[in-house]
Amino acid sequence: SAEQKQFQKDPDRYLPAFSGNDLVIAKENGETTRGKREYGIKYADRIYLFATEESLQRFAHAPALYVTLNGDGPINRDAKVAVNSDG
């Protein structure tokens, strides 16, 4: 299928950014905390996972504070933030 070919072309693109860890907690507390799918968000064509709703909301309101140019997605100030509502 077309989706499978797209995935095979760049499988890393579909992995959560920051190894699936909560970027907000990492930046603010210096702790590594595993994110959860129910607190997922898409930003600049990457998926970010967060441990809590609070972390997700903090990121959603100011993603450029947390996303860097070191491989956690390019900063795209025009990118739309989409909150996962699947729960």
N, C-alpha and C. Protein backbone atom coordinates (compact mmCIF):
# COMPACT_ATOMS: atom_id res chain seq x y z
N SER A 1 0.83 -1.20 0.00
CA SER A 1 0.00 0.00 0.00
C SER A 1 0.87 1.26 0.00
N ALA A 2 0.29 2.36 -0.33
CA ALA A 2 1.00 3.64 -0.37
C ALA A 2 1.50 4.03 1.02
N GLU A 3 0.68 3.76 2.05
CA GLU A 3 1.08 4.10 3.42
C GLU A 3 2.30 3.28 3.85
N GLN A 4 2.31 2.01 3.48
CA GLN A 4 3.42 1.15 3.84
C GLN A 4 4.71 1.61 3.17
N LYS A 5 4.62 1.99 1.90
CA LYS A 5 5.80 2.49 1.19
C LYS A 5 6.32 3.78 1.82
N GLN A 6 5.39 4.64 2.22
CA GLN A 6 5.79 5.90 2.86
C GLN A 6 6.49 5.61 4.18
N PHE A 7 5.96 4.66 4.94
CA PHE A 7 6.57 4.28 6.21
C PHE A 7 7.96 3.70 5.98
N GLN A 8 8.08 2.79 5.03
CA GLN A 8 9.37 2.14 4.77
C GLN A 8 10.42 3.13 4.27
N LYS A 9 9.99 4.18 3.63
CA LYS A 9 10.90 5.20 3.12
C LYS A 9 11.59 5.96 4.27
N ASP A 10 10.87 6.21 5.37
CA ASP A 10 11.42 6.97 6.50
C ASP A 10 10.75 6.53 7.81
N PRO A 11 11.05 5.31 8.30
CA PRO A 11 10.37 4.81 9.50
C PRO A 11 10.63 5.64 10.76
N ASP A 12 11.81 6.27 10.85
CA ASP A 12 12.11 7.07 12.04
C ASP A 12 11.18 8.26 12.20
N ARG A 13 10.62 8.71 11.11
CA ARG A 13 9.69 9.84 11.16
C ARG A 13 8.46 9.53 12.02
N TYR A 14 8.15 8.25 12.14
CA TYR A 14 6.95 7.85 12.87
C TYR A 14 7.23 7.52 14.34
N LEU A 15 8.48 7.59 14.74
CA LEU A 15 8.82 7.39 16.14
C LEU A 15 8.53 8.67 16.92
N PRO A 16 8.11 8.55 18.17
CA PRO A 16 7.91 9.76 18.97
C PRO A 16 9.22 10.51 19.17
N ALA A 17 9.15 11.83 19.12
CA ALA A 17 10.32 12.66 19.38
C ALA A 17 10.79 12.47 20.81
N PHE A 18 12.04 12.75 21.05
CA PHE A 18 12.64 12.69 22.39
C PHE A 18 12.48 11.30 23.00
N SER A 19 12.52 10.28 22.15
CA SER A 19 12.39 8.86 22.56
C SER A 19 11.10 8.58 23.32
N GLY A 20 10.09 9.39 23.11
CA GLY A 20 8.81 9.19 23.78
C GLY A 20 8.76 9.71 25.20
N ASN A 21 9.80 10.42 25.60
CA ASN A 21 9.83 10.98 26.96
C ASN A 21 9.20 12.36 26.98
N ASP A 22 8.77 12.76 28.16
CA ASP A 22 8.11 14.05 28.38
C ASP A 22 9.15 15.17 28.33
N LEU A 23 9.12 15.97 27.27
CA LEU A 23 10.07 17.07 27.08
C LEU A 23 9.92 18.17 28.12
N VAL A 24 8.70 18.43 28.53
CA VAL A 24 8.45 19.51 29.51
C VAL A 24 9.08 19.16 30.85
N ILE A 25 8.85 17.94 31.32
CA ILE A 25 9.44 17.51 32.59
C ILE A 25 10.96 17.49 32.49
N ALA A 26 11.47 17.04 31.35
CA ALA A 26 12.93 16.99 31.16
C ALA A 26 13.54 18.39 31.25
N LYS A 27 12.92 19.34 30.57
CA LYS A 27 13.48 20.69 30.56
C LYS A 27 13.31 21.38 31.91
N GLU A 28 12.14 21.24 32.52
CA GLU A 28 11.86 22.00 33.74
C GLU A 28 12.40 21.35 35.01
N ASN A 29 12.48 20.01 35.02
CA ASN A 29 12.89 19.32 36.25
C ASN A 29 14.17 18.50 36.08
N GLY A 30 14.65 18.37 34.84
CA GLY A 30 15.84 17.57 34.60
C GLY A 30 15.62 16.09 34.81
N GLU A 31 14.38 15.63 34.70
CA GLU A 31 14.04 14.22 34.91
C GLU A 31 13.60 13.57 33.61
N THR A 32 13.89 12.28 33.48
CA THR A 32 13.42 11.52 32.34
C THR A 32 12.16 10.78 32.76
N THR A 33 11.06 11.13 32.11
CA THR A 33 9.77 10.53 32.43
C THR A 33 9.11 10.08 31.14
N ARG A 34 8.72 8.83 31.07
CA ARG A 34 8.10 8.26 29.88
C ARG A 34 6.75 8.93 29.62
N GLY A 35 6.53 9.34 28.36
CA GLY A 35 5.24 9.91 27.97
C GLY A 35 4.22 8.82 27.70
N LYS A 36 2.97 9.21 27.62
CA LYS A 36 1.87 8.28 27.37
C LYS A 36 1.13 8.69 26.10
N ARG A 37 0.64 7.69 25.36
CA ARG A 37 -0.06 7.99 24.12
C ARG A 37 -1.28 8.89 24.31
N GLU A 38 -1.97 8.73 25.44
CA GLU A 38 -3.17 9.56 25.64
C GLU A 38 -2.84 11.04 25.80
N TYR A 39 -1.57 11.34 26.06
CA TYR A 39 -1.13 12.73 26.14
C TYR A 39 -0.18 13.03 24.98
N GLY A 40 -0.58 12.62 23.79
CA GLY A 40 0.21 12.83 22.60
C GLY A 40 -0.21 14.09 21.85
N ILE A 41 0.76 14.67 21.14
CA ILE A 41 0.49 15.87 20.36
C ILE A 41 1.38 15.84 19.12
N LYS A 42 0.87 16.38 18.03
CA LYS A 42 1.67 16.46 16.81
C LYS A 42 2.10 17.91 16.63
N TYR A 43 3.40 18.08 16.41
CA TYR A 43 3.96 19.42 16.21
C TYR A 43 5.09 19.31 15.20
N ALA A 44 5.07 20.14 14.18
CA ALA A 44 6.11 20.16 13.16
C ALA A 44 6.39 18.77 12.60
N ASP A 45 5.31 18.05 12.28
CA ASP A 45 5.38 16.71 11.69
C ASP A 45 6.03 15.66 12.58
N ARG A 46 6.06 15.89 13.88
CA ARG A 46 6.58 14.90 14.83
C ARG A 46 5.53 14.67 15.90
N ILE A 47 5.59 13.50 16.51
CA ILE A 47 4.70 13.17 17.61
C ILE A 47 5.48 13.34 18.92
N TYR A 48 4.90 14.05 19.86
CA TYR A 48 5.48 14.24 21.18
C TYR A 48 4.54 13.63 22.20
N LEU A 49 5.10 12.91 23.17
CA LEU A 49 4.31 12.28 24.22
C LEU A 49 4.64 12.95 25.55
N PHE A 50 3.63 13.03 26.42
CA PHE A 50 3.79 13.66 27.72
C PHE A 50 3.22 12.76 28.80
N ALA A 51 3.74 12.89 29.99
CA ALA A 51 3.32 12.05 31.11
C ALA A 51 1.99 12.50 31.71
N THR A 52 1.68 13.78 31.57
CA THR A 52 0.48 14.33 32.19
C THR A 52 -0.22 15.31 31.25
N GLU A 53 -1.46 15.56 31.52
CA GLU A 53 -2.22 16.57 30.78
C GLU A 53 -1.59 17.95 30.97
N GLU A 54 -1.09 18.22 32.17
CA GLU A 54 -0.45 19.51 32.44
C GLU A 54 0.76 19.73 31.54
N SER A 55 1.60 18.71 31.41
CA SER A 55 2.77 18.83 30.52
C SER A 55 2.34 19.07 29.08
N LEU A 56 1.35 18.33 28.63
CA LEU A 56 0.86 18.49 27.27
C LEU A 56 0.37 19.91 27.04
N GLN A 57 -0.38 20.46 27.96
CA GLN A 57 -0.92 21.81 27.82
C GLN A 57 0.19 22.86 27.84
N ARG A 58 1.19 22.66 28.69
CA ARG A 58 2.31 23.60 28.74
C ARG A 58 3.03 23.63 27.40
N PHE A 59 3.24 22.45 26.81
CA PHE A 59 3.87 22.36 25.50
C PHE A 59 2.98 22.99 24.43
N ALA A 60 1.71 22.70 24.45
CA ALA A 60 0.78 23.20 23.44
C ALA A 60 0.73 24.73 23.42
N HIS A 61 0.89 25.35 24.57
CA HIS A 61 0.84 26.81 24.64
C HIS A 61 2.14 27.48 24.22
N ALA A 62 3.26 26.75 24.28
CA ALA A 62 4.55 27.36 23.91
C ALA A 62 5.54 26.28 23.45
N PRO A 63 5.26 25.59 22.35
CA PRO A 63 6.14 24.49 21.93
C PRO A 63 7.58 24.93 21.64
N ALA A 64 7.78 26.14 21.15
CA ALA A 64 9.13 26.60 20.82
C ALA A 64 10.03 26.69 22.05
N LEU A 65 9.45 26.74 23.25
CA LEU A 65 10.25 26.74 24.47
C LEU A 65 10.92 25.39 24.70
N TYR A 66 10.34 24.34 24.13
CA TYR A 66 10.79 22.98 24.42
C TYR A 66 11.46 22.28 23.24
N VAL A 67 11.06 22.60 22.03
CA VAL A 67 11.63 21.95 20.85
C VAL A 67 12.90 22.69 20.46
N THR A 68 13.94 21.92 20.20
CA THR A 68 15.22 22.50 19.84
C THR A 68 15.66 22.02 18.46
N LEU A 69 16.78 22.44 18.03
CA LEU A 69 17.31 22.03 16.73
C LEU A 69 18.21 20.79 16.85
N ASN A 70 18.22 20.12 17.99
CA ASN A 70 19.14 18.99 18.21
C ASN A 70 18.53 17.64 17.84
N GLY A 71 17.57 17.63 16.94
CA GLY A 71 17.00 16.36 16.53
C GLY A 71 15.61 16.13 17.06
N ASP A 72 15.11 17.03 17.87
CA ASP A 72 13.76 16.90 18.39
C ASP A 72 12.79 17.71 17.53
N GLY A 73 13.11 17.81 16.25
CA GLY A 73 12.26 18.49 15.29
C GLY A 73 12.72 19.91 15.09
N PRO A 74 12.70 20.39 13.86
CA PRO A 74 13.07 21.79 13.67
C PRO A 74 12.02 22.69 14.27
N ILE A 75 12.44 23.80 14.77
CA ILE A 75 11.46 24.77 15.26
C ILE A 75 10.75 25.35 14.06
N ASN A 76 9.46 25.23 14.07
CA ASN A 76 8.63 25.76 13.00
C ASN A 76 7.56 26.61 13.67
N ARG A 77 7.78 27.87 13.75
CA ARG A 77 6.88 28.75 14.49
C ARG A 77 5.50 28.86 13.85
N ASP A 78 5.37 28.42 12.59
CA ASP A 78 4.07 28.46 11.93
C ASP A 78 3.34 27.12 11.99
N ALA A 79 3.96 26.12 12.60
CA ALA A 79 3.35 24.79 12.64
C ALA A 79 2.09 24.80 13.49
N LYS A 80 1.16 24.00 13.09
CA LYS A 80 -0.06 23.85 13.86
C LYS A 80 0.14 22.76 14.90
N VAL A 81 -0.41 22.95 16.07
CA VAL A 81 -0.34 21.98 17.14
C VAL A 81 -1.68 21.27 17.18
N ALA A 82 -1.64 19.93 17.10
CA ALA A 82 -2.87 19.14 17.10
C ALA A 82 -2.87 18.23 18.31
N VAL A 83 -3.82 18.44 19.21
CA VAL A 83 -3.92 17.62 20.41
C VAL A 83 -4.67 16.35 20.07
N ASN A 84 -4.12 15.21 20.52
CA ASN A 84 -4.75 13.91 20.30
C ASN A 84 -5.98 13.82 21.18
N SER A 85 -7.14 13.62 20.59
CA SER A 85 -8.37 13.53 21.37
C SER A 85 -8.90 12.11 21.42
N ASP A 86 -8.08 11.13 21.00
CA ASP A 86 -8.53 9.74 20.99
C ASP A 86 -8.62 9.16 22.39
N GLY A 87 -7.80 9.71 23.32
CA GLY A 87 -7.80 9.23 24.69
C GLY A 87 -7.26 7.89 24.76
